[in-house]
Amino acid sequence: MSVHDINFRDKEYTMRFWLWFLYTNPDFDFSTQLDIPNAKSIDTPEIILIV
């Protein structure tokens, strides 16, 4: 959705984006099992479940 806070000196930026998944495992919890490699921090994801 957006890329901002671009810092060329430290090679850092902030990114906001949507992920869409189709899956059938009801035990999978995206809020605790989602990982973004090399991310300094990850905000708690907003999960929208459509049944």
Protein backbone atom coordinates (compact mmCIF):
# COMPACT_ATOMS: atom_id res chain seq x y z
CA MET A 1 0.00 0.00 0.00
CA SER A 2 2.86 2.38 0.77
CA VAL A 3 6.60 2.78 1.18
CA HIS A 4 7.74 5.70 3.33
CA ASP A 5 10.37 6.82 5.86
CA ILE A 6 13.05 6.01 3.29
CA ASN A 7 16.53 6.38 4.78
CA PHE A 8 19.23 5.90 2.13
CA ARG A 9 22.11 6.32 4.59
CA ASP A 10 20.98 3.44 6.85
CA LYS A 11 19.31 1.49 4.02
CA GLU A 12 15.97 1.40 5.85
CA TYR A 13 12.35 2.07 4.98
CA THR A 14 8.84 1.42 6.23
CA MET A 15 6.38 -0.58 4.16
CA ARG A 16 2.68 -1.29 4.57
CA PHE A 17 1.06 -4.00 2.48
CA TRP A 18 -1.78 -6.51 2.23
CA LEU A 19 -1.35 -10.29 2.07
CA TRP A 20 -4.10 -12.58 0.83
CA PHE A 21 -4.04 -16.26 1.73
CA LEU A 22 -6.25 -19.19 0.91
CA TYR A 23 -5.77 -22.02 3.36
CA THR A 24 -7.70 -24.82 5.02
CA ASN A 25 -5.88 -25.27 8.34
CA PRO A 26 -8.02 -23.63 11.06
CA ASP A 27 -5.20 -24.06 13.61
CA PHE A 28 -2.85 -21.73 11.70
CA ASP A 29 -2.69 -18.35 13.47
CA PHE A 30 -1.22 -15.61 11.26
CA SER A 31 -0.91 -13.14 14.13
CA THR A 32 1.70 -15.34 15.85
CA GLN A 33 3.15 -17.44 13.02
CA LEU A 34 3.79 -14.83 10.32
CA ASP A 35 7.44 -13.82 9.94
CA ILE A 36 9.03 -11.26 7.63
CA PRO A 37 12.76 -12.07 7.23
CA ASN A 38 15.16 -9.20 8.02
CA ALA A 39 12.36 -7.02 9.41
CA LYS A 40 13.38 -4.82 12.34
CA SER A 41 9.83 -4.81 13.65
CA ILE A 42 6.38 -6.04 12.63
CA ASP A 43 3.14 -4.47 13.82
CA THR A 44 0.44 -6.85 14.98
CA PRO A 45 -1.39 -7.85 11.81
CA GLU A 46 -5.06 -7.13 11.35
CA ILE A 47 -6.66 -10.45 10.44
CA ILE A 48 -9.84 -10.39 8.34
CA LEU A 49 -11.37 -13.84 8.11
CA ILE A 50 -13.97 -14.51 5.44
CA VAL A 51 -15.75 -17.80 5.85
